[in-house]
Amino acid sequence: MKRRERTRHLIALGGLVVKSGVVELVEDDRAVILGLLVEAAAKLRTEDREHALTLWRRRGKRAFADDAKTETLTI
């Protein structure tokens, strides 16, 4: 059961990477994608952490809202 939950979680995280547009922008270059994530993790280890989280959270919520609007329009 735990393995199934973990698999589902990993698939959802991968979906977020795709939804962000990064995969297309870097032509599925996994080294670049990992580099972006490593860079973000490094940023979160600095004193600028809270500012970065606030900014990224806003952008993420906006992207989810935009996606929901697009789905509503296409249904």
C-alpha atoms as a PDB file:
ATOM      1  CA  MET A   1       0.000   0.000   0.000  1.00  0.00           C
ATOM      2  CA  LYS A   2       2.758   2.468   0.903  1.00  0.00           C
ATOM      3  CA  ARG A   3       4.543   1.706  -2.365  1.00  0.00           C
ATOM      4  CA  ARG A   4       1.402   2.521  -4.315  1.00  0.00           C
ATOM      5  CA  GLU A   5       0.986   5.835  -2.446  1.00  0.00           C
ATOM      6  CA  ARG A   6       4.633   6.729  -3.075  1.00  0.00           C
ATOM      7  CA  THR A   7       4.261   5.918  -6.774  1.00  0.00           C
ATOM      8  CA  ARG A   8       1.159   8.092  -7.004  1.00  0.00           C
ATOM      9  CA  HIS A   9       2.996  10.919  -5.232  1.00  0.00           C
ATOM     10  CA  LEU A  10       5.971  10.704  -7.611  1.00  0.00           C
ATOM     11  CA  ILE A  11       3.681  10.700 -10.643  1.00  0.00           C
ATOM     12  CA  ALA A  12       1.916  13.819  -9.333  1.00  0.00           C
ATOM     13  CA  LEU A  13       5.254  15.588  -8.830  1.00  0.00           C
ATOM     14  CA  GLY A  14       6.316  14.652 -12.360  1.00  0.00           C
ATOM     15  CA  GLY A  15       3.035  16.073 -13.614  1.00  0.00           C
ATOM     16  CA  LEU A  16       3.874  19.387 -11.958  1.00  0.00           C
ATOM     17  CA  VAL A  17       7.211  19.492 -13.766  1.00  0.00           C
ATOM     18  CA  VAL A  18       5.427  18.926 -17.074  1.00  0.00           C
ATOM     19  CA  LYS A  19       2.639  21.402 -16.221  1.00  0.00           C
ATOM     20  CA  SER A  20       5.242  24.093 -15.505  1.00  0.00           C
ATOM     21  CA  GLY A  21       6.380  23.982 -19.125  1.00  0.00           C
ATOM     22  CA  VAL A  22       9.978  23.255 -18.173  1.00  0.00           C
ATOM     23  CA  VAL A  23      10.099  19.912 -19.976  1.00  0.00           C
ATOM     24  CA  GLU A  24       9.264  21.498 -23.319  1.00  0.00           C
ATOM     25  CA  LEU A  25      11.437  24.554 -22.737  1.00  0.00           C
ATOM     26  CA  VAL A  26      14.555  22.463 -22.107  1.00  0.00           C
ATOM     27  CA  GLU A  27      13.632  19.794 -24.657  1.00  0.00           C
ATOM     28  CA  ASP A  28      13.336  17.100 -21.964  1.00  0.00           C
ATOM     29  CA  ASP A  29      16.977  17.565 -20.875  1.00  0.00           C
ATOM     30  CA  ARG A  30      16.860  15.901 -17.478  1.00  0.00           C
ATOM     31  CA  ALA A  31      20.230  17.295 -16.401  1.00  0.00           C
ATOM     32  CA  VAL A  32      18.855  20.811 -16.894  1.00  0.00           C
ATOM     33  CA  ILE A  33      15.647  19.967 -15.025  1.00  0.00           C
ATOM     34  CA  LEU A  34      17.620  18.524 -12.111  1.00  0.00           C
ATOM     35  CA  GLY A  35      19.902  21.581 -12.201  1.00  0.00           C
ATOM     36  CA  LEU A  36      16.886  23.869 -11.919  1.00  0.00           C
ATOM     37  CA  LEU A  37      15.600  21.925  -8.932  1.00  0.00           C
ATOM     38  CA  VAL A  38      19.032  21.877  -7.273  1.00  0.00           C
ATOM     39  CA  GLU A  39      19.253  25.649  -7.782  1.00  0.00           C
ATOM     40  CA  ALA A  40      15.820  26.127  -6.200  1.00  0.00           C
ATOM     41  CA  ALA A  41      16.822  23.923  -3.249  1.00  0.00           C
ATOM     42  CA  ALA A  42      19.996  26.000  -2.792  1.00  0.00           C
ATOM     43  CA  LYS A  43      17.889  29.172  -2.782  1.00  0.00           C
ATOM     44  CA  LEU A  44      15.721  27.659  -0.044  1.00  0.00           C
ATOM     45  CA  ARG A  45      18.818  27.210   2.118  1.00  0.00           C
ATOM     46  CA  THR A  46      19.530  30.952   2.128  1.00  0.00           C
ATOM     47  CA  GLU A  47      18.126  33.773   4.210  1.00  0.00           C
ATOM     48  CA  ASP A  48      15.980  34.633   1.174  1.00  0.00           C
ATOM     49  CA  ARG A  49      13.961  31.447   1.748  1.00  0.00           C
ATOM     50  CA  GLU A  50      10.697  33.048   2.875  1.00  0.00           C
ATOM     51  CA  HIS A  51      10.684  35.563   0.038  1.00  0.00           C
ATOM     52  CA  ALA A  52      11.318  32.805  -2.522  1.00  0.00           C
ATOM     53  CA  LEU A  53       8.584  30.595  -1.044  1.00  0.00           C
ATOM     54  CA  THR A  54       6.086  33.457  -1.088  1.00  0.00           C
ATOM     55  CA  LEU A  55       6.899  34.338  -4.700  1.00  0.00           C
ATOM     56  CA  TRP A  56       6.859  30.745  -5.936  1.00  0.00           C
ATOM     57  CA  ARG A  57       3.668  29.925  -4.028  1.00  0.00           C
ATOM     58  CA  ARG A  58       1.884  32.904  -5.644  1.00  0.00           C
ATOM     59  CA  ARG A  59       3.080  31.915  -9.098  1.00  0.00           C
ATOM     60  CA  GLY A  60       2.052  28.308  -8.530  1.00  0.00           C
ATOM     61  CA  LYS A  61      -1.417  29.246  -7.326  1.00  0.00           C
ATOM     62  CA  ARG A  62      -1.821  31.549 -10.319  1.00  0.00           C
ATOM     63  CA  ALA A  63      -0.759  28.745 -12.674  1.00  0.00           C
ATOM     64  CA  PHE A  64      -3.281  26.350 -11.086  1.00  0.00           C
ATOM     65  CA  ALA A  65      -6.010  29.000 -11.398  1.00  0.00           C
ATOM     66  CA  ASP A  66      -5.123  29.699 -15.031  1.00  0.00           C
ATOM     67  CA  ASP A  67      -5.169  25.975 -15.744  1.00  0.00           C
ATOM     68  CA  ALA A  68      -8.584  25.615 -14.117  1.00  0.00           C
ATOM     69  CA  LYS A  69      -9.930  28.498 -16.235  1.00  0.00           C
ATOM     70  CA  THR A  70      -8.579  26.865 -19.400  1.00  0.00           C
ATOM     71  CA  GLU A  71     -10.207  23.535 -18.508  1.00  0.00           C
ATOM     72  CA  THR A  72     -13.541  25.289 -17.866  1.00  0.00           C
ATOM     73  CA  LEU A  73     -13.375  27.038 -21.227  1.00  0.00           C
ATOM     74  CA  THR A  74     -12.634  23.836 -23.158  1.00  0.00           C
ATOM     75  CA  ILE A  75     -15.394  21.749 -21.574  1.00  0.00           C
END
